[in-house]
Amino acid sequence: MNYILGIDLGTSGSKAMIVDRTGKVLSTATVAHEVLTPRPAKR
């Protein structure tokens, strides 16, 4: 059987989904991650 893996890498988290060829969702996962922003250099 063949499966399709979809991945969404967003700014505050990542999501994944596995579906079969009929479109039935077999599994999903979501993981939040920290947003890193640069700080101005100290002078």
PDB file of N, CA and C in Angstrom:
ATOM      1  N   MET A   1       0.841  -1.176   0.000  1.00  0.00           N
ATOM      2  CA  MET A   1       0.000   0.000   0.000  1.00  0.00           C
ATOM      3  C   MET A   1       0.890   1.244   0.000  1.00  0.00           C
ATOM      4  N   ASN A   2       0.497   2.269  -0.745  1.00  0.00           N
ATOM      5  CA  ASN A   2       1.247   3.516  -0.816  1.00  0.00           C
ATOM      6  C   ASN A   2       0.627   4.558   0.105  1.00  0.00           C
ATOM      7  N   TYR A   3       1.484   5.392   0.676  1.00  0.00           N
ATOM      8  CA  TYR A   3       1.044   6.461   1.559  1.00  0.00           C
ATOM      9  C   TYR A   3       1.599   7.788   1.064  1.00  0.00           C
ATOM     10  N   ILE A   4       0.948   8.873   1.487  1.00  0.00           N
ATOM     11  CA  ILE A   4       1.404  10.216   1.151  1.00  0.00           C
ATOM     12  C   ILE A   4       1.678  10.943   2.460  1.00  0.00           C
ATOM     13  N   LEU A   5       2.849  11.575   2.551  1.00  0.00           N
ATOM     14  CA  LEU A   5       3.239  12.343   3.728  1.00  0.00           C
ATOM     15  C   LEU A   5       3.199  13.818   3.373  1.00  0.00           C
ATOM     16  N   GLY A   6       2.412  14.586   4.113  1.00  0.00           N
ATOM     17  CA  GLY A   6       2.363  16.033   3.932  1.00  0.00           C
ATOM     18  C   GLY A   6       3.025  16.700   5.121  1.00  0.00           C
ATOM     19  N   ILE A   7       3.858  17.709   4.862  1.00  0.00           N
ATOM     20  CA  ILE A   7       4.577  18.418   5.917  1.00  0.00           C
ATOM     21  C   ILE A   7       4.353  19.912   5.752  1.00  0.00           C
ATOM     22  N   ASP A   8       4.033  20.594   6.854  1.00  0.00           N
ATOM     23  CA  ASP A   8       3.854  22.045   6.876  1.00  0.00           C
ATOM     24  C   ASP A   8       4.807  22.617   7.910  1.00  0.00           C
ATOM     25  N   LEU A   9       5.796  23.380   7.452  1.00  0.00           N
ATOM     26  CA  LEU A   9       6.745  24.029   8.352  1.00  0.00           C
ATOM     27  C   LEU A   9       6.336  25.488   8.494  1.00  0.00           C
ATOM     28  N   GLY A  10       5.713  25.828   9.610  1.00  0.00           N
ATOM     29  CA  GLY A  10       5.232  27.182   9.846  1.00  0.00           C
ATOM     30  C   GLY A  10       6.180  27.971  10.732  1.00  0.00           C
ATOM     31  N   THR A  11       5.793  29.211  11.040  1.00  0.00           N
ATOM     32  CA  THR A  11       6.654  30.070  11.853  1.00  0.00           C
ATOM     33  C   THR A  11       6.633  29.704  13.329  1.00  0.00           C
ATOM     34  N   SER A  12       5.561  29.102  13.810  1.00  0.00           N
ATOM     35  CA  SER A  12       5.493  28.764  15.232  1.00  0.00           C
ATOM     36  C   SER A  12       5.364  27.268  15.491  1.00  0.00           C
ATOM     37  N   GLY A  13       5.324  26.466  14.433  1.00  0.00           N
ATOM     38  CA  GLY A  13       5.209  25.029  14.621  1.00  0.00           C
ATOM     39  C   GLY A  13       5.285  24.269  13.316  1.00  0.00           C
ATOM     40  N   SER A  14       5.410  22.958  13.439  1.00  0.00           N
ATOM     41  CA  SER A  14       5.467  22.078  12.274  1.00  0.00           C
ATOM     42  C   SER A  14       4.366  21.034  12.396  1.00  0.00           C
ATOM     43  N   LYS A  15       3.766  20.688  11.260  1.00  0.00           N
ATOM     44  CA  LYS A  15       2.689  19.702  11.237  1.00  0.00           C
ATOM     45  C   LYS A  15       2.988  18.669  10.159  1.00  0.00           C
ATOM     46  N   ALA A  16       2.555  17.442  10.412  1.00  0.00           N
ATOM     47  CA  ALA A  16       2.707  16.373   9.427  1.00  0.00           C
ATOM     48  C   ALA A  16       1.429  15.538   9.415  1.00  0.00           C
ATOM     49  N   MET A  17       1.143  14.961   8.243  1.00  0.00           N
ATOM     50  CA  MET A  17      -0.051  14.131   8.090  1.00  0.00           C
ATOM     51  C   MET A  17       0.267  13.001   7.121  1.00  0.00           C
ATOM     52  N   ILE A  18      -0.181  11.803   7.443  1.00  0.00           N
ATOM     53  CA  ILE A  18      -0.037  10.659   6.547  1.00  0.00           C
ATOM     54  C   ILE A  18      -1.434  10.257   6.085  1.00  0.00           C
ATOM     55  N   VAL A  19      -1.611  10.149   4.776  1.00  0.00           N
ATOM     56  CA  VAL A  19      -2.887   9.719   4.201  1.00  0.00           C
ATOM     57  C   VAL A  19      -2.635   8.565   3.238  1.00  0.00           C
ATOM     58  N   ASP A  20      -3.664   7.743   3.037  1.00  0.00           N
ATOM     59  CA  ASP A  20      -3.528   6.685   2.036  1.00  0.00           C
ATOM     60  C   ASP A  20      -4.014   7.213   0.689  1.00  0.00           C
ATOM     61  N   ARG A  21      -3.973   6.383  -0.326  1.00  0.00           N
ATOM     62  CA  ARG A  21      -4.317   6.837  -1.682  1.00  0.00           C
ATOM     63  C   ARG A  21      -5.792   7.177  -1.849  1.00  0.00           C
ATOM     64  N   THR A  22      -6.636   6.759  -0.914  1.00  0.00           N
ATOM     65  CA  THR A  22      -8.058   7.115  -0.979  1.00  0.00           C
ATOM     66  C   THR A  22      -8.338   8.438  -0.278  1.00  0.00           C
ATOM     67  N   GLY A  23      -7.342   8.996   0.400  1.00  0.00           N
ATOM     68  CA  GLY A  23      -7.506  10.258   1.121  1.00  0.00           C
ATOM     69  C   GLY A  23      -7.812  10.094   2.592  1.00  0.00           C
ATOM     70  N   LYS A  24      -7.842   8.848   3.070  1.00  0.00           N
ATOM     71  CA  LYS A  24      -8.107   8.596   4.488  1.00  0.00           C
ATOM     72  C   LYS A  24      -6.895   9.009   5.315  1.00  0.00           C
ATOM     73  N   VAL A  25      -7.128   9.860   6.333  1.00  0.00           N
ATOM     74  CA  VAL A  25      -6.050  10.315   7.215  1.00  0.00           C
ATOM     75  C   VAL A  25      -5.700   9.183   8.174  1.00  0.00           C
ATOM     76  N   LEU A  26      -4.432   8.777   8.160  1.00  0.00           N
ATOM     77  CA  LEU A  26      -3.978   7.681   9.016  1.00  0.00           C
ATOM     78  C   LEU A  26      -3.318   8.183  10.289  1.00  0.00           C
ATOM     79  N   SER A  27      -2.655   9.341  10.213  1.00  0.00           N
ATOM     80  CA  SER A  27      -1.972   9.870  11.381  1.00  0.00           C
ATOM     81  C   SER A  27      -1.653  11.342  11.177  1.00  0.00           C
ATOM     82  N   THR A  28      -1.646  12.093  12.278  1.00  0.00           N
ATOM     83  CA  THR A  28      -1.230  13.493  12.243  1.00  0.00           C
ATOM     84  C   THR A  28      -0.333  13.771  13.441  1.00  0.00           C
ATOM     85  N   ALA A  29       0.487  14.801  13.322  1.00  0.00           N
ATOM     86  CA  ALA A  29       1.352  15.220  14.426  1.00  0.00           C
ATOM     87  C   ALA A  29       1.606  16.713  14.306  1.00  0.00           C
ATOM     88  N   THR A  30       1.712  17.367  15.458  1.00  0.00           N
ATOM     89  CA  THR A  30       2.016  18.792  15.512  1.00  0.00           C
ATOM     90  C   THR A  30       3.056  19.029  16.595  1.00  0.00           C
ATOM     91  N   VAL A  31       4.044  19.851  16.275  1.00  0.00           N
ATOM     92  CA  VAL A  31       5.085  20.201  17.239  1.00  0.00           C
ATOM     93  C   VAL A  31       5.300  21.706  17.184  1.00  0.00           C
ATOM     94  N   ALA A  32       5.190  22.369  18.336  1.00  0.00           N
ATOM     95  CA  ALA A  32       5.466  23.803  18.404  1.00  0.00           C
ATOM     96  C   ALA A  32       6.974  24.011  18.523  1.00  0.00           C
ATOM     97  N   HIS A  33       7.455  25.104  17.962  1.00  0.00           N
ATOM     98  CA  HIS A  33       8.861  25.438  18.150  1.00  0.00           C
ATOM     99  C   HIS A  33       9.007  26.925  18.400  1.00  0.00           C
ATOM    100  N   GLU A  34      10.080  27.268  19.069  1.00  0.00           N
ATOM    101  CA  GLU A  34      10.359  28.643  19.450  1.00  0.00           C
ATOM    102  C   GLU A  34      10.694  29.482  18.226  1.00  0.00           C
ATOM    103  N   VAL A  35      10.213  30.701  18.230  1.00  0.00           N
ATOM    104  CA  VAL A  35      10.547  31.633  17.158  1.00  0.00           C
ATOM    105  C   VAL A  35      11.774  32.418  17.598  1.00  0.00           C
ATOM    106  N   LEU A  36      12.849  32.307  16.835  1.00  0.00           N
ATOM    107  CA  LEU A  36      14.087  33.010  17.164  1.00  0.00           C
ATOM    108  C   LEU A  36      14.200  34.266  16.319  1.00  0.00           C
ATOM    109  N   THR A  37      14.438  35.385  16.984  1.00  0.00           N
ATOM    110  CA  THR A  37      14.625  36.641  16.262  1.00  0.00           C
ATOM    111  C   THR A  37      15.944  37.258  16.689  1.00  0.00           C
ATOM    112  N   PRO A  38      16.706  37.804  15.752  1.00  0.00           N
ATOM    113  CA  PRO A  38      17.988  38.414  16.110  1.00  0.00           C
ATOM    114  C   PRO A  38      17.773  39.687  16.931  1.00  0.00           C
ATOM    115  N   ARG A  39      18.723  39.950  17.816  1.00  0.00           N
ATOM    116  CA  ARG A  39      18.688  41.171  18.617  1.00  0.00           C
ATOM    117  C   ARG A  39      19.742  42.131  18.081  1.00  0.00           C
ATOM    118  N   PRO A  40      19.489  43.421  18.217  1.00  0.00           N
ATOM    119  CA  PRO A  40      20.511  44.380  17.774  1.00  0.00           C
ATOM    120  C   PRO A  40      21.806  44.196  18.564  1.00  0.00           C
ATOM    121  N   ALA A  41      22.921  44.421  17.906  1.00  0.00           N
ATOM    122  CA  ALA A  41      24.226  44.302  18.571  1.00  0.00           C
ATOM    123  C   ALA A  41      24.392  45.424  19.591  1.00  0.00           C
ATOM    124  N   LYS A  42      25.028  45.097  20.725  1.00  0.00           N
ATOM    125  CA  LYS A  42      25.305  46.120  21.748  1.00  0.00           C
ATOM    126  C   LYS A  42      26.496  46.947  21.302  1.00  0.00           C
ATOM    127  N   ARG A  43      26.404  48.228  21.542  1.00  0.00           N
ATOM    128  CA  ARG A  43      27.526  49.113  21.163  1.00  0.00           C
ATOM    129  C   ARG A  43      28.097  49.781  22.364  1.00  0.00           C
TER     130      ARG A  43
END
